[in-house]
Amino acid sequence: MRSFEILGRSILIANVGGRFYAMDGICSHGMGVLDRGVLNGHVVKCPIHGAEFDLRTGKVINGPWKPPYEIDDLRTYAVGVEDRCLTLDYQP
């Protein structure tokens, strides 16, 4: 996992089993930088309070509190590979 700043927005890129995923790189709860968290399959865990997000959908799957979570889902982005370079469908 690694975050990049694109047009002033932090975007997390992760490789899971050879497939790339992209979503917002900052936790919507505690503003944690997600590339400093833990990646377990398709789940990214925030390093601050442990909120967990699904890379494929950006949905909160576990939060620091019991449901209903007081955390917003994160935006995801389509990722492609062309000539060994990543492309990102990003529209601010």
N, C-alpha and C. Protein backbone atom coordinates (compact mmCIF):
# COMPACT_ATOMS: atom_id res chain seq x y z
N MET A 1 0.85 -1.18 0.00
CA MET A 1 0.00 0.00 0.00
C MET A 1 0.88 1.23 0.00
N ARG A 2 0.40 2.22 -0.70
CA ARG A 2 1.11 3.49 -0.71
C ARG A 2 0.13 4.59 -1.07
N SER A 3 0.31 5.75 -0.43
CA SER A 3 -0.55 6.90 -0.73
C SER A 3 0.18 7.88 -1.63
N PHE A 4 -0.60 8.54 -2.47
CA PHE A 4 -0.09 9.57 -3.37
C PHE A 4 -1.01 10.78 -3.27
N GLU A 5 -0.46 11.95 -3.44
CA GLU A 5 -1.30 13.14 -3.48
C GLU A 5 -1.58 13.46 -4.93
N ILE A 6 -2.87 13.52 -5.25
CA ILE A 6 -3.31 13.82 -6.61
C ILE A 6 -4.29 14.98 -6.53
N LEU A 7 -3.91 16.09 -7.12
CA LEU A 7 -4.73 17.30 -7.12
C LEU A 7 -5.19 17.67 -5.71
N GLY A 8 -4.27 17.56 -4.75
CA GLY A 8 -4.55 17.96 -3.38
C GLY A 8 -5.30 16.93 -2.55
N ARG A 9 -5.49 15.74 -3.08
CA ARG A 9 -6.24 14.70 -2.37
C ARG A 9 -5.34 13.47 -2.19
N SER A 10 -5.36 12.89 -0.99
CA SER A 10 -4.58 11.68 -0.72
C SER A 10 -5.32 10.47 -1.26
N ILE A 11 -4.65 9.70 -2.12
CA ILE A 11 -5.23 8.50 -2.72
C ILE A 11 -4.36 7.30 -2.33
N LEU A 12 -4.98 6.27 -1.79
CA LEU A 12 -4.29 5.04 -1.41
C LEU A 12 -4.36 4.06 -2.58
N ILE A 13 -3.20 3.52 -2.96
CA ILE A 13 -3.12 2.49 -3.98
C ILE A 13 -2.64 1.22 -3.29
N ALA A 14 -3.32 0.11 -3.52
CA ALA A 14 -2.93 -1.16 -2.91
C ALA A 14 -2.97 -2.27 -3.95
N ASN A 15 -2.02 -3.18 -3.83
CA ASN A 15 -1.94 -4.35 -4.70
C ASN A 15 -2.37 -5.56 -3.88
N VAL A 16 -3.45 -6.17 -4.28
CA VAL A 16 -3.95 -7.37 -3.59
C VAL A 16 -3.97 -8.50 -4.61
N GLY A 17 -3.06 -9.43 -4.46
CA GLY A 17 -3.01 -10.58 -5.36
C GLY A 17 -2.79 -10.21 -6.81
N GLY A 18 -2.03 -9.15 -7.07
CA GLY A 18 -1.74 -8.73 -8.43
C GLY A 18 -2.76 -7.78 -9.03
N ARG A 19 -3.82 -7.47 -8.28
CA ARG A 19 -4.82 -6.51 -8.75
C ARG A 19 -4.70 -5.23 -7.93
N PHE A 20 -4.78 -4.09 -8.61
CA PHE A 20 -4.63 -2.80 -7.95
C PHE A 20 -5.99 -2.19 -7.62
N TYR A 21 -6.05 -1.56 -6.45
CA TYR A 21 -7.24 -0.87 -5.98
C TYR A 21 -6.83 0.53 -5.53
N ALA A 22 -7.77 1.47 -5.61
CA ALA A 22 -7.51 2.83 -5.16
C ALA A 22 -8.73 3.37 -4.43
N MET A 23 -8.47 4.06 -3.32
CA MET A 23 -9.54 4.74 -2.58
C MET A 23 -8.91 5.92 -1.84
N ASP A 24 -9.76 6.74 -1.24
CA ASP A 24 -9.23 7.86 -0.46
C ASP A 24 -8.22 7.33 0.54
N GLY A 25 -7.16 8.09 0.77
CA GLY A 25 -6.06 7.63 1.61
C GLY A 25 -6.10 8.11 3.04
N ILE A 26 -7.15 8.86 3.41
CA ILE A 26 -7.28 9.38 4.77
C ILE A 26 -8.57 8.83 5.39
N CYS A 27 -8.45 8.29 6.59
CA CYS A 27 -9.61 7.73 7.30
C CYS A 27 -10.64 8.82 7.54
N SER A 28 -11.90 8.48 7.31
CA SER A 28 -12.98 9.46 7.49
C SER A 28 -13.36 9.64 8.96
N HIS A 29 -12.76 8.88 9.84
CA HIS A 29 -13.06 9.02 11.27
C HIS A 29 -12.02 9.87 11.98
N GLY A 30 -10.79 9.37 12.04
CA GLY A 30 -9.76 10.05 12.83
C GLY A 30 -8.66 10.67 12.00
N MET A 31 -8.89 10.79 10.69
CA MET A 31 -7.91 11.41 9.79
C MET A 31 -6.58 10.66 9.75
N GLY A 32 -6.60 9.36 10.02
CA GLY A 32 -5.39 8.54 9.95
C GLY A 32 -4.95 8.35 8.51
N VAL A 33 -3.65 8.31 8.31
CA VAL A 33 -3.08 8.07 6.99
C VAL A 33 -3.10 6.55 6.77
N LEU A 34 -3.92 6.10 5.84
CA LEU A 34 -4.20 4.68 5.73
C LEU A 34 -3.01 3.83 5.25
N ASP A 35 -2.06 4.41 4.54
CA ASP A 35 -0.92 3.59 4.12
C ASP A 35 0.00 3.25 5.30
N ARG A 36 -0.25 3.83 6.45
CA ARG A 36 0.47 3.48 7.67
C ARG A 36 -0.28 2.41 8.47
N GLY A 37 -1.43 2.01 7.96
CA GLY A 37 -2.25 1.00 8.63
C GLY A 37 -1.86 -0.40 8.19
N VAL A 38 -2.80 -1.32 8.37
CA VAL A 38 -2.56 -2.73 8.06
C VAL A 38 -3.48 -3.16 6.92
N LEU A 39 -2.90 -3.89 5.96
CA LEU A 39 -3.68 -4.45 4.86
C LEU A 39 -3.81 -5.95 5.09
N ASN A 40 -5.06 -6.43 5.14
CA ASN A 40 -5.33 -7.85 5.31
C ASN A 40 -6.33 -8.25 4.24
N GLY A 41 -5.83 -8.83 3.16
CA GLY A 41 -6.70 -9.12 2.02
C GLY A 41 -7.19 -7.82 1.41
N HIS A 42 -8.50 -7.65 1.33
CA HIS A 42 -9.09 -6.42 0.77
C HIS A 42 -9.45 -5.41 1.85
N VAL A 43 -9.01 -5.64 3.07
CA VAL A 43 -9.39 -4.79 4.19
C VAL A 43 -8.20 -3.96 4.66
N VAL A 44 -8.41 -2.64 4.74
CA VAL A 44 -7.40 -1.72 5.25
C VAL A 44 -7.84 -1.27 6.63
N LYS A 45 -6.95 -1.38 7.60
CA LYS A 45 -7.24 -0.98 8.98
C LYS A 45 -6.48 0.30 9.30
N CYS A 46 -7.21 1.31 9.74
CA CYS A 46 -6.63 2.60 10.10
C CYS A 46 -5.68 2.44 11.29
N PRO A 47 -4.52 3.11 11.24
CA PRO A 47 -3.55 2.98 12.33
C PRO A 47 -3.93 3.72 13.60
N ILE A 48 -4.94 4.59 13.55
CA ILE A 48 -5.26 5.39 14.74
C ILE A 48 -6.30 4.72 15.63
N HIS A 49 -7.51 4.51 15.12
CA HIS A 49 -8.58 3.94 15.95
C HIS A 49 -9.07 2.59 15.46
N GLY A 50 -8.48 2.06 14.40
CA GLY A 50 -8.81 0.72 13.95
C GLY A 50 -10.01 0.60 13.03
N ALA A 51 -10.52 1.70 12.49
CA ALA A 51 -11.61 1.59 11.52
C ALA A 51 -11.12 0.76 10.33
N GLU A 52 -12.01 -0.06 9.77
CA GLU A 52 -11.63 -0.92 8.66
C GLU A 52 -12.50 -0.62 7.44
N PHE A 53 -11.86 -0.58 6.28
CA PHE A 53 -12.52 -0.24 5.03
C PHE A 53 -12.23 -1.33 3.99
N ASP A 54 -13.22 -1.63 3.16
CA ASP A 54 -13.05 -2.56 2.06
C ASP A 54 -12.49 -1.79 0.87
N LEU A 55 -11.31 -2.19 0.39
CA LEU A 55 -10.67 -1.52 -0.74
C LEU A 55 -11.53 -1.54 -2.00
N ARG A 56 -12.30 -2.59 -2.18
CA ARG A 56 -13.09 -2.73 -3.41
C ARG A 56 -14.25 -1.77 -3.49
N THR A 57 -14.80 -1.39 -2.33
CA THR A 57 -16.01 -0.57 -2.31
C THR A 57 -15.86 0.74 -1.54
N GLY A 58 -14.85 0.82 -0.68
CA GLY A 58 -14.68 1.97 0.19
C GLY A 58 -15.59 1.95 1.41
N LYS A 59 -16.40 0.90 1.53
CA LYS A 59 -17.37 0.81 2.63
C LYS A 59 -16.68 0.54 3.97
N VAL A 60 -17.21 1.14 5.02
CA VAL A 60 -16.76 0.86 6.38
C VAL A 60 -17.26 -0.54 6.72
N ILE A 61 -16.36 -1.43 7.13
CA ILE A 61 -16.81 -2.77 7.52
C ILE A 61 -16.63 -3.01 9.01
N ASN A 62 -15.91 -2.13 9.66
CA ASN A 62 -15.75 -2.21 11.11
C ASN A 62 -15.27 -0.85 11.59
N GLY A 63 -15.80 -0.39 12.68
CA GLY A 63 -15.40 0.91 13.19
C GLY A 63 -14.96 0.84 14.63
N PRO A 64 -14.52 1.95 15.16
CA PRO A 64 -14.11 1.96 16.56
C PRO A 64 -15.29 1.87 17.52
N TRP A 65 -16.52 1.97 17.00
CA TRP A 65 -17.71 1.81 17.81
C TRP A 65 -18.59 0.76 17.18
N LYS A 66 -19.60 0.35 17.91
CA LYS A 66 -20.54 -0.62 17.37
C LYS A 66 -21.46 0.05 16.35
N PRO A 67 -22.06 -0.73 15.46
CA PRO A 67 -22.98 -0.15 14.47
C PRO A 67 -24.12 0.58 15.15
N PRO A 68 -24.71 1.62 14.60
CA PRO A 68 -24.29 2.19 13.32
C PRO A 68 -23.01 3.01 13.47
N TYR A 69 -22.11 2.82 12.55
CA TYR A 69 -20.82 3.50 12.62
C TYR A 69 -20.97 5.00 12.36
N GLU A 70 -20.19 5.77 13.05
CA GLU A 70 -20.18 7.22 12.85
C GLU A 70 -19.01 7.59 11.95
N ILE A 71 -18.84 6.80 10.90
CA ILE A 71 -17.74 6.98 9.96
C ILE A 71 -18.32 6.93 8.56
N ASP A 72 -17.84 7.82 7.70
CA ASP A 72 -18.30 7.81 6.32
C ASP A 72 -17.50 6.80 5.50
N ASP A 73 -18.16 6.23 4.50
CA ASP A 73 -17.45 5.39 3.54
C ASP A 73 -16.45 6.25 2.78
N LEU A 74 -15.46 5.61 2.19
CA LEU A 74 -14.45 6.33 1.41
C LEU A 74 -14.73 6.16 -0.08
N ARG A 75 -14.28 7.13 -0.85
CA ARG A 75 -14.46 7.09 -2.29
C ARG A 75 -13.43 6.15 -2.91
N THR A 76 -13.86 5.34 -3.88
CA THR A 76 -12.95 4.47 -4.60
C THR A 76 -12.76 4.98 -6.02
N TYR A 77 -11.71 4.49 -6.66
CA TYR A 77 -11.35 4.94 -8.01
C TYR A 77 -10.98 3.73 -8.85
N ALA A 78 -11.32 3.78 -10.12
CA ALA A 78 -10.96 2.70 -11.04
C ALA A 78 -9.47 2.79 -11.35
N VAL A 79 -8.79 1.65 -11.32
CA VAL A 79 -7.36 1.59 -11.59
C VAL A 79 -7.13 0.65 -12.77
N GLY A 80 -6.25 1.05 -13.67
CA GLY A 80 -5.87 0.21 -14.80
C GLY A 80 -4.37 0.14 -14.90
N VAL A 81 -3.89 -0.76 -15.73
CA VAL A 81 -2.46 -0.87 -15.99
C VAL A 81 -2.27 -0.82 -17.50
N GLU A 82 -1.48 0.16 -17.95
CA GLU A 82 -1.17 0.32 -19.37
C GLU A 82 0.33 0.45 -19.52
N ASP A 83 0.92 -0.42 -20.32
CA ASP A 83 2.37 -0.40 -20.53
C ASP A 83 3.13 -0.37 -19.22
N ARG A 84 2.71 -1.22 -18.27
CA ARG A 84 3.33 -1.37 -16.97
C ARG A 84 3.23 -0.11 -16.09
N CYS A 85 2.32 0.79 -16.43
CA CYS A 85 2.07 1.99 -15.64
C CYS A 85 0.62 1.97 -15.16
N LEU A 86 0.41 2.44 -13.93
CA LEU A 86 -0.93 2.53 -13.40
C LEU A 86 -1.65 3.74 -13.96
N THR A 87 -2.94 3.57 -14.24
CA THR A 87 -3.79 4.69 -14.61
C THR A 87 -4.92 4.76 -13.58
N LEU A 88 -5.38 5.94 -13.32
CA LEU A 88 -6.39 6.15 -12.30
C LEU A 88 -7.50 7.01 -12.87
N ASP A 89 -8.73 6.53 -12.75
CA ASP A 89 -9.88 7.32 -13.18
C ASP A 89 -10.25 8.23 -12.02
N TYR A 90 -9.72 9.44 -12.04
CA TYR A 90 -9.90 10.37 -10.92
C TYR A 90 -10.65 11.59 -11.41
N GLN A 91 -11.78 11.87 -10.76
CA GLN A 91 -12.54 13.07 -11.06
C GLN A 91 -12.85 13.74 -9.73
N PRO A 92 -12.18 14.88 -9.43
CA PRO A 92 -12.39 15.55 -8.14
C PRO A 92 -13.81 16.00 -7.92
